[in-house]
N, C-alpha and C. Protein backbone atom coordinates (compact mmCIF):
# COMPACT_ATOMS: atom_id res chain seq x y z
N MET A 1 152.73 103.66 89.43
CA MET A 1 151.44 103.55 90.03
C MET A 1 151.51 102.60 91.21
N THR A 2 150.98 103.05 92.34
CA THR A 2 151.00 102.19 93.52
C THR A 2 149.75 101.33 93.56
N PRO A 3 149.91 100.09 93.95
CA PRO A 3 148.73 99.21 94.03
C PRO A 3 147.81 99.64 95.18
N ILE A 4 146.49 99.46 94.97
CA ILE A 4 145.49 99.81 95.98
C ILE A 4 145.38 98.65 96.95
N SER A 5 145.39 98.97 98.22
CA SER A 5 145.32 97.93 99.23
C SER A 5 143.93 97.27 99.22
N PHE A 6 143.86 96.10 99.79
CA PHE A 6 142.60 95.35 99.85
C PHE A 6 141.52 96.13 100.58
N HIS A 7 141.84 96.78 101.68
CA HIS A 7 140.87 97.54 102.47
C HIS A 7 140.32 98.73 101.68
N ARG A 8 141.19 99.38 100.94
CA ARG A 8 140.73 100.51 100.13
C ARG A 8 139.81 100.03 99.00
N ARG A 9 140.11 98.88 98.44
CA ARG A 9 139.24 98.32 97.39
C ARG A 9 137.84 98.03 97.96
N VAL A 10 137.81 97.45 99.15
CA VAL A 10 136.54 97.14 99.79
C VAL A 10 135.77 98.43 100.06
N LEU A 11 136.45 99.45 100.59
CA LEU A 11 135.79 100.73 100.84
C LEU A 11 135.27 101.36 99.54
N LEU A 12 136.05 101.25 98.48
CA LEU A 12 135.64 101.79 97.19
C LEU A 12 134.39 101.08 96.67
N VAL A 13 134.34 99.76 96.78
CA VAL A 13 133.16 98.99 96.35
C VAL A 13 131.95 99.36 97.19
N VAL A 14 132.12 99.50 98.50
CA VAL A 14 131.02 99.89 99.39
C VAL A 14 130.52 101.28 99.02
N LEU A 15 131.43 102.20 98.74
CA LEU A 15 131.07 103.55 98.36
C LEU A 15 130.28 103.55 97.04
N ILE A 16 130.73 102.80 96.07
CA ILE A 16 130.03 102.72 94.78
C ILE A 16 128.64 102.13 94.95
N LEU A 17 128.51 101.07 95.74
CA LEU A 17 127.21 100.45 95.98
C LEU A 17 126.27 101.41 96.71
N THR A 18 126.80 102.15 97.68
CA THR A 18 125.98 103.11 98.42
C THR A 18 125.46 104.21 97.51
N ILE A 19 126.32 104.73 96.66
CA ILE A 19 125.91 105.78 95.70
C ILE A 19 124.86 105.22 94.74
N SER A 20 125.07 103.99 94.26
CA SER A 20 124.10 103.37 93.36
C SER A 20 122.73 103.22 94.01
N LEU A 21 122.70 102.77 95.25
CA LEU A 21 121.43 102.63 95.98
C LEU A 21 120.76 103.98 96.18
N LEU A 22 121.53 104.98 96.50
CA LEU A 22 120.99 106.33 96.70
C LEU A 22 120.38 106.87 95.41
N VAL A 23 121.10 106.71 94.31
CA VAL A 23 120.60 107.18 93.01
C VAL A 23 119.32 106.44 92.64
N ASN A 24 119.29 105.13 92.84
CA ASN A 24 118.09 104.34 92.50
C ASN A 24 116.90 104.73 93.37
N SER A 25 117.12 104.99 94.65
CA SER A 25 115.99 105.36 95.51
C SER A 25 115.46 106.74 95.16
N VAL A 26 116.34 107.68 94.80
CA VAL A 26 115.88 109.00 94.36
C VAL A 26 115.10 108.88 93.06
N TRP A 27 115.59 108.09 92.11
CA TRP A 27 114.91 107.90 90.83
C TRP A 27 113.53 107.27 91.05
N ALA A 28 113.46 106.25 91.89
CA ALA A 28 112.18 105.59 92.15
C ALA A 28 111.21 106.54 92.84
N GLY A 29 111.69 107.37 93.74
CA GLY A 29 110.83 108.33 94.42
C GLY A 29 110.28 109.37 93.47
N GLU A 30 111.10 109.83 92.52
CA GLU A 30 110.63 110.81 91.53
C GLU A 30 109.54 110.21 90.65
N HIS A 31 109.72 108.97 90.22
CA HIS A 31 108.72 108.34 89.36
C HIS A 31 107.46 107.98 90.12
N ALA A 32 107.58 107.68 91.39
CA ALA A 32 106.39 107.39 92.19
C ALA A 32 105.54 108.65 92.34
N ASN A 33 106.17 109.81 92.42
CA ASN A 33 105.43 111.06 92.53
C ASN A 33 104.72 111.44 91.25
N LYS A 34 105.14 110.88 90.12
CA LYS A 34 104.51 111.20 88.84
C LYS A 34 103.25 110.37 88.59
N MET A 35 103.01 109.36 89.41
CA MET A 35 101.81 108.55 89.25
C MET A 35 100.59 109.41 89.55
N ALA A 36 99.53 109.20 88.80
CA ALA A 36 98.32 110.00 88.97
C ALA A 36 97.68 109.71 90.31
N PRO A 37 97.29 110.75 91.04
CA PRO A 37 96.60 110.53 92.31
C PRO A 37 95.18 110.04 92.05
N PRO A 38 94.52 109.45 93.05
CA PRO A 38 93.14 109.03 92.86
C PRO A 38 92.26 110.22 92.50
N ALA A 39 91.24 109.97 91.71
CA ALA A 39 90.31 111.04 91.33
C ALA A 39 89.60 111.54 92.57
N LYS A 40 89.49 112.85 92.70
CA LYS A 40 88.81 113.44 93.85
C LYS A 40 87.72 114.38 93.37
N GLY A 41 86.62 114.37 94.08
CA GLY A 41 85.51 115.25 93.77
C GLY A 41 85.68 116.60 94.43
N GLU A 42 84.64 117.40 94.35
CA GLU A 42 84.68 118.76 94.89
C GLU A 42 84.97 118.78 96.38
N GLN A 43 84.41 117.84 97.13
CA GLN A 43 84.61 117.83 98.57
C GLN A 43 85.86 117.03 98.95
N GLY A 44 86.69 116.65 97.98
CA GLY A 44 87.89 115.89 98.27
C GLY A 44 87.63 114.41 98.43
N LEU A 45 86.44 113.94 98.08
CA LEU A 45 86.11 112.52 98.18
C LEU A 45 86.78 111.76 97.05
N ILE A 46 87.26 110.57 97.35
CA ILE A 46 87.81 109.72 96.30
C ILE A 46 86.65 109.14 95.51
N LEU A 47 86.74 109.27 94.18
CA LEU A 47 85.67 108.82 93.30
C LEU A 47 85.95 107.42 92.78
N ASP A 48 84.88 106.68 92.52
CA ASP A 48 84.99 105.40 91.85
C ASP A 48 85.09 105.66 90.36
N LYS A 49 85.79 104.78 89.64
CA LYS A 49 85.90 104.91 88.19
C LYS A 49 85.48 103.60 87.54
N VAL A 50 84.76 103.73 86.42
CA VAL A 50 84.37 102.57 85.64
C VAL A 50 84.51 102.92 84.16
N GLU A 51 84.70 101.89 83.35
CA GLU A 51 84.68 102.06 81.90
C GLU A 51 83.38 101.43 81.43
N VAL A 52 82.53 102.24 80.80
CA VAL A 52 81.21 101.79 80.38
C VAL A 52 80.91 102.35 78.99
N THR A 53 79.83 101.83 78.41
CA THR A 53 79.31 102.38 77.17
C THR A 53 78.00 103.07 77.49
N ILE A 54 77.93 104.35 77.17
CA ILE A 54 76.71 105.12 77.39
C ILE A 54 75.81 104.89 76.19
N ALA A 55 74.60 104.39 76.45
CA ALA A 55 73.65 104.09 75.38
C ALA A 55 72.67 105.24 75.16
N ARG A 56 72.24 105.89 76.27
CA ARG A 56 71.24 106.96 76.18
C ARG A 56 71.62 108.07 77.15
N LYS A 57 71.12 109.27 76.86
CA LYS A 57 71.40 110.39 77.74
C LYS A 57 70.19 111.32 77.79
N SER A 58 70.10 112.03 78.88
CA SER A 58 69.17 113.15 79.00
C SER A 58 69.94 114.22 79.76
N LEU A 59 69.32 115.31 80.08
CA LEU A 59 70.01 116.34 80.85
C LEU A 59 70.15 115.94 82.32
N GLU A 60 69.40 114.93 82.74
CA GLU A 60 69.42 114.52 84.14
C GLU A 60 70.19 113.24 84.41
N VAL A 61 70.26 112.35 83.42
CA VAL A 61 70.82 111.02 83.67
C VAL A 61 71.41 110.45 82.38
N ILE A 62 72.46 109.63 82.55
CA ILE A 62 72.96 108.82 81.44
C ILE A 62 72.70 107.36 81.79
N THR A 63 72.47 106.56 80.76
CA THR A 63 72.17 105.14 80.95
C THR A 63 73.17 104.33 80.14
N THR A 64 73.76 103.33 80.78
CA THR A 64 74.73 102.48 80.10
C THR A 64 74.02 101.38 79.33
N THR A 65 74.78 100.66 78.50
CA THR A 65 74.21 99.54 77.76
C THR A 65 73.72 98.46 78.71
N GLY A 66 74.28 98.38 79.90
CA GLY A 66 73.85 97.42 80.90
C GLY A 66 72.65 97.87 81.71
N GLY A 67 72.16 99.09 81.45
CA GLY A 67 70.99 99.61 82.16
C GLY A 67 71.30 100.40 83.43
N ASP A 68 72.58 100.54 83.76
CA ASP A 68 72.94 101.33 84.95
C ASP A 68 72.72 102.80 84.67
N LYS A 69 72.23 103.52 85.70
CA LYS A 69 71.97 104.95 85.57
C LYS A 69 72.95 105.73 86.43
N TYR A 70 73.43 106.83 85.87
CA TYR A 70 74.30 107.77 86.58
C TYR A 70 73.68 109.14 86.42
N TYR A 71 73.42 109.78 87.54
CA TYR A 71 72.76 111.09 87.51
C TYR A 71 73.78 112.19 87.21
N LEU A 72 73.31 113.22 86.54
CA LEU A 72 74.15 114.36 86.16
C LEU A 72 73.79 115.57 86.99
N SER A 73 74.77 116.39 87.25
CA SER A 73 74.53 117.66 87.94
C SER A 73 75.09 118.77 87.05
N ASP A 74 74.88 120.00 87.47
CA ASP A 74 75.43 121.13 86.72
C ASP A 74 76.96 121.14 86.78
N ASN A 75 77.54 120.39 87.71
CA ASN A 75 78.99 120.34 87.86
C ASN A 75 79.64 119.17 87.14
N THR A 76 78.84 118.31 86.48
CA THR A 76 79.40 117.18 85.76
C THR A 76 80.25 117.69 84.60
N ILE A 77 81.45 117.17 84.49
CA ILE A 77 82.37 117.57 83.42
C ILE A 77 82.40 116.46 82.37
N VAL A 78 82.24 116.85 81.11
CA VAL A 78 82.33 115.91 79.99
C VAL A 78 83.53 116.33 79.14
N VAL A 79 84.46 115.40 78.93
CA VAL A 79 85.67 115.69 78.18
C VAL A 79 85.67 114.84 76.91
N GLY A 80 85.81 115.51 75.76
CA GLY A 80 85.83 114.82 74.47
C GLY A 80 87.14 114.11 74.23
N MET A 81 87.21 113.38 73.13
CA MET A 81 88.42 112.62 72.80
C MET A 81 89.60 113.54 72.52
N ASP A 82 89.33 114.79 72.17
CA ASP A 82 90.41 115.75 71.92
C ASP A 82 90.91 116.42 73.19
N GLY A 83 90.31 116.08 74.33
CA GLY A 83 90.74 116.65 75.60
C GLY A 83 90.03 117.94 75.98
N ASN A 84 89.14 118.42 75.11
CA ASN A 84 88.39 119.65 75.39
C ASN A 84 87.05 119.31 76.01
N GLN A 85 86.58 120.20 76.86
CA GLN A 85 85.29 120.00 77.52
C GLN A 85 84.16 120.22 76.51
N VAL A 86 83.14 119.35 76.58
CA VAL A 86 81.96 119.48 75.72
C VAL A 86 80.72 119.46 76.60
N SER A 87 79.63 119.96 76.09
CA SER A 87 78.39 119.94 76.86
C SER A 87 77.73 118.58 76.72
N ILE A 88 76.94 118.25 77.71
CA ILE A 88 76.20 116.98 77.66
C ILE A 88 75.27 116.97 76.45
N ARG A 89 74.79 118.12 76.05
CA ARG A 89 73.90 118.23 74.89
C ARG A 89 74.59 117.79 73.60
N LYS A 90 75.87 118.09 73.48
CA LYS A 90 76.61 117.79 72.25
C LYS A 90 77.33 116.44 72.30
N MET A 91 77.32 115.80 73.46
CA MET A 91 77.96 114.49 73.58
C MET A 91 77.23 113.48 72.71
N LEU A 92 77.99 112.77 71.87
CA LEU A 92 77.40 111.77 70.98
C LEU A 92 77.28 110.43 71.70
N VAL A 93 76.14 109.77 71.52
CA VAL A 93 75.93 108.45 72.09
C VAL A 93 75.42 107.51 71.01
N PRO A 94 75.75 106.24 71.04
CA PRO A 94 76.52 105.56 72.08
C PRO A 94 78.01 105.90 71.98
N CYS A 95 78.65 105.85 73.17
CA CYS A 95 80.08 106.09 73.25
C CYS A 95 80.67 105.34 74.43
N ASP A 96 81.94 104.97 74.30
CA ASP A 96 82.67 104.33 75.39
C ASP A 96 83.34 105.43 76.20
N VAL A 97 83.21 105.34 77.53
CA VAL A 97 83.74 106.39 78.39
C VAL A 97 84.42 105.81 79.61
N GLU A 98 85.25 106.65 80.22
CA GLU A 98 85.73 106.39 81.57
C GLU A 98 84.95 107.36 82.45
N LEU A 99 84.25 106.82 83.42
CA LEU A 99 83.32 107.59 84.22
C LEU A 99 83.77 107.61 85.67
N ALA A 100 83.99 108.82 86.21
CA ALA A 100 84.30 108.99 87.63
C ALA A 100 83.01 109.44 88.31
N TYR A 101 82.62 108.72 89.36
CA TYR A 101 81.35 109.03 90.01
C TYR A 101 81.46 108.87 91.52
N ARG A 102 80.47 109.46 92.19
CA ARG A 102 80.35 109.31 93.64
C ARG A 102 78.96 108.74 93.92
N THR A 103 78.83 108.05 95.03
CA THR A 103 77.55 107.51 95.44
C THR A 103 77.06 108.30 96.63
N GLU A 104 75.83 108.79 96.52
CA GLU A 104 75.24 109.58 97.60
C GLU A 104 73.77 109.21 97.72
N ALA A 105 73.38 108.80 98.91
CA ALA A 105 71.99 108.40 99.19
C ALA A 105 71.49 107.35 98.20
N GLY A 106 72.37 106.41 97.88
CA GLY A 106 71.98 105.31 97.00
C GLY A 106 71.98 105.64 95.51
N LYS A 107 72.30 106.88 95.14
CA LYS A 107 72.35 107.29 93.73
C LYS A 107 73.80 107.48 93.32
N ARG A 108 74.10 107.10 92.08
CA ARG A 108 75.43 107.33 91.52
C ARG A 108 75.41 108.65 90.74
N TRP A 109 76.27 109.57 91.12
CA TRP A 109 76.34 110.89 90.51
C TRP A 109 77.62 110.98 89.68
N ALA A 110 77.47 111.22 88.38
CA ALA A 110 78.63 111.36 87.50
C ALA A 110 79.32 112.69 87.78
N GLU A 111 80.61 112.62 88.06
CA GLU A 111 81.41 113.83 88.28
C GLU A 111 82.20 114.20 87.03
N ARG A 112 82.74 113.18 86.35
CA ARG A 112 83.55 113.42 85.15
C ARG A 112 83.34 112.27 84.18
N ILE A 113 83.14 112.63 82.91
CA ILE A 113 82.96 111.66 81.84
C ILE A 113 84.03 111.92 80.80
N ASP A 114 84.96 110.97 80.63
CA ASP A 114 86.01 111.09 79.61
C ASP A 114 85.65 110.17 78.45
N ILE A 115 85.33 110.76 77.31
CA ILE A 115 84.93 109.99 76.13
C ILE A 115 86.17 109.36 75.51
N LYS A 116 86.14 108.03 75.32
CA LYS A 116 87.27 107.29 74.76
C LYS A 116 87.04 106.89 73.31
N ARG A 117 85.77 106.55 72.96
CA ARG A 117 85.45 106.13 71.60
C ARG A 117 83.99 106.44 71.34
N VAL A 118 83.70 106.93 70.13
CA VAL A 118 82.33 107.23 69.74
C VAL A 118 81.92 106.24 68.66
N SER A 119 80.74 105.67 68.79
CA SER A 119 80.23 104.71 67.83
C SER A 119 80.01 105.38 66.47
N SER A 120 80.13 104.61 65.41
CA SER A 120 79.97 105.17 64.06
C SER A 120 78.54 105.63 63.80
N ASN A 121 77.57 105.08 64.52
CA ASN A 121 76.17 105.49 64.33
C ASN A 121 75.70 106.42 65.45
N ALA A 122 76.62 107.10 66.12
CA ALA A 122 76.28 107.94 67.26
C ALA A 122 75.56 109.22 66.83
N SER A 123 74.73 109.74 67.75
CA SER A 123 74.05 111.01 67.51
C SER A 123 74.00 111.79 68.82
N SER A 124 73.64 113.05 68.72
CA SER A 124 73.57 113.88 69.93
C SER A 124 72.15 113.99 70.46
N LEU A 125 71.25 113.12 69.99
CA LEU A 125 69.85 113.18 70.44
C LEU A 125 69.76 112.95 71.94
N TRP A 126 68.90 113.71 72.58
CA TRP A 126 68.69 113.59 74.01
C TRP A 126 67.25 113.96 74.32
N ILE A 127 66.79 113.55 75.49
CA ILE A 127 65.45 113.94 75.93
C ILE A 127 65.56 114.49 77.33
N SER A 128 64.62 115.33 77.71
CA SER A 128 64.68 115.92 79.04
C SER A 128 63.28 116.23 79.54
N ASN A 129 63.08 116.01 80.83
CA ASN A 129 61.83 116.41 81.48
C ASN A 129 62.01 117.72 82.24
N ARG A 130 63.26 118.18 82.34
CA ARG A 130 63.57 119.39 83.07
C ARG A 130 63.42 120.60 82.15
N PRO A 131 62.72 121.63 82.58
CA PRO A 131 62.59 122.82 81.73
C PRO A 131 63.95 123.49 81.56
N GLU A 132 64.11 124.13 80.41
CA GLU A 132 65.40 124.78 80.13
C GLU A 132 65.40 126.22 80.50
């Protein structure tokens, strides 16, 4: 076996370091692409997200335990803890949710409601002033 010269050893180390850096940058780029993008509404607007407890609901608005109101539209999506979509009528309150909303003309409009936890004394009772 012939000994490797000093210059070849240096080149070999540089080559190994270069390959390692390349592999790490590719790996980091792949994982960065897996991060969830910001929530977007129908018009492509970035939505704000909050974690709140919904205390009351109607067909037009939900109210948090803090008294904040979020208006509902026919396009509001409600997702149960099992990942399936549920109607606002069947949503049990009080419940802890992650709420994605947009603000328009000073009103907060709920776009998506992801239910995280339902209170043990929750019910599906709701009231509405809107005719069905």
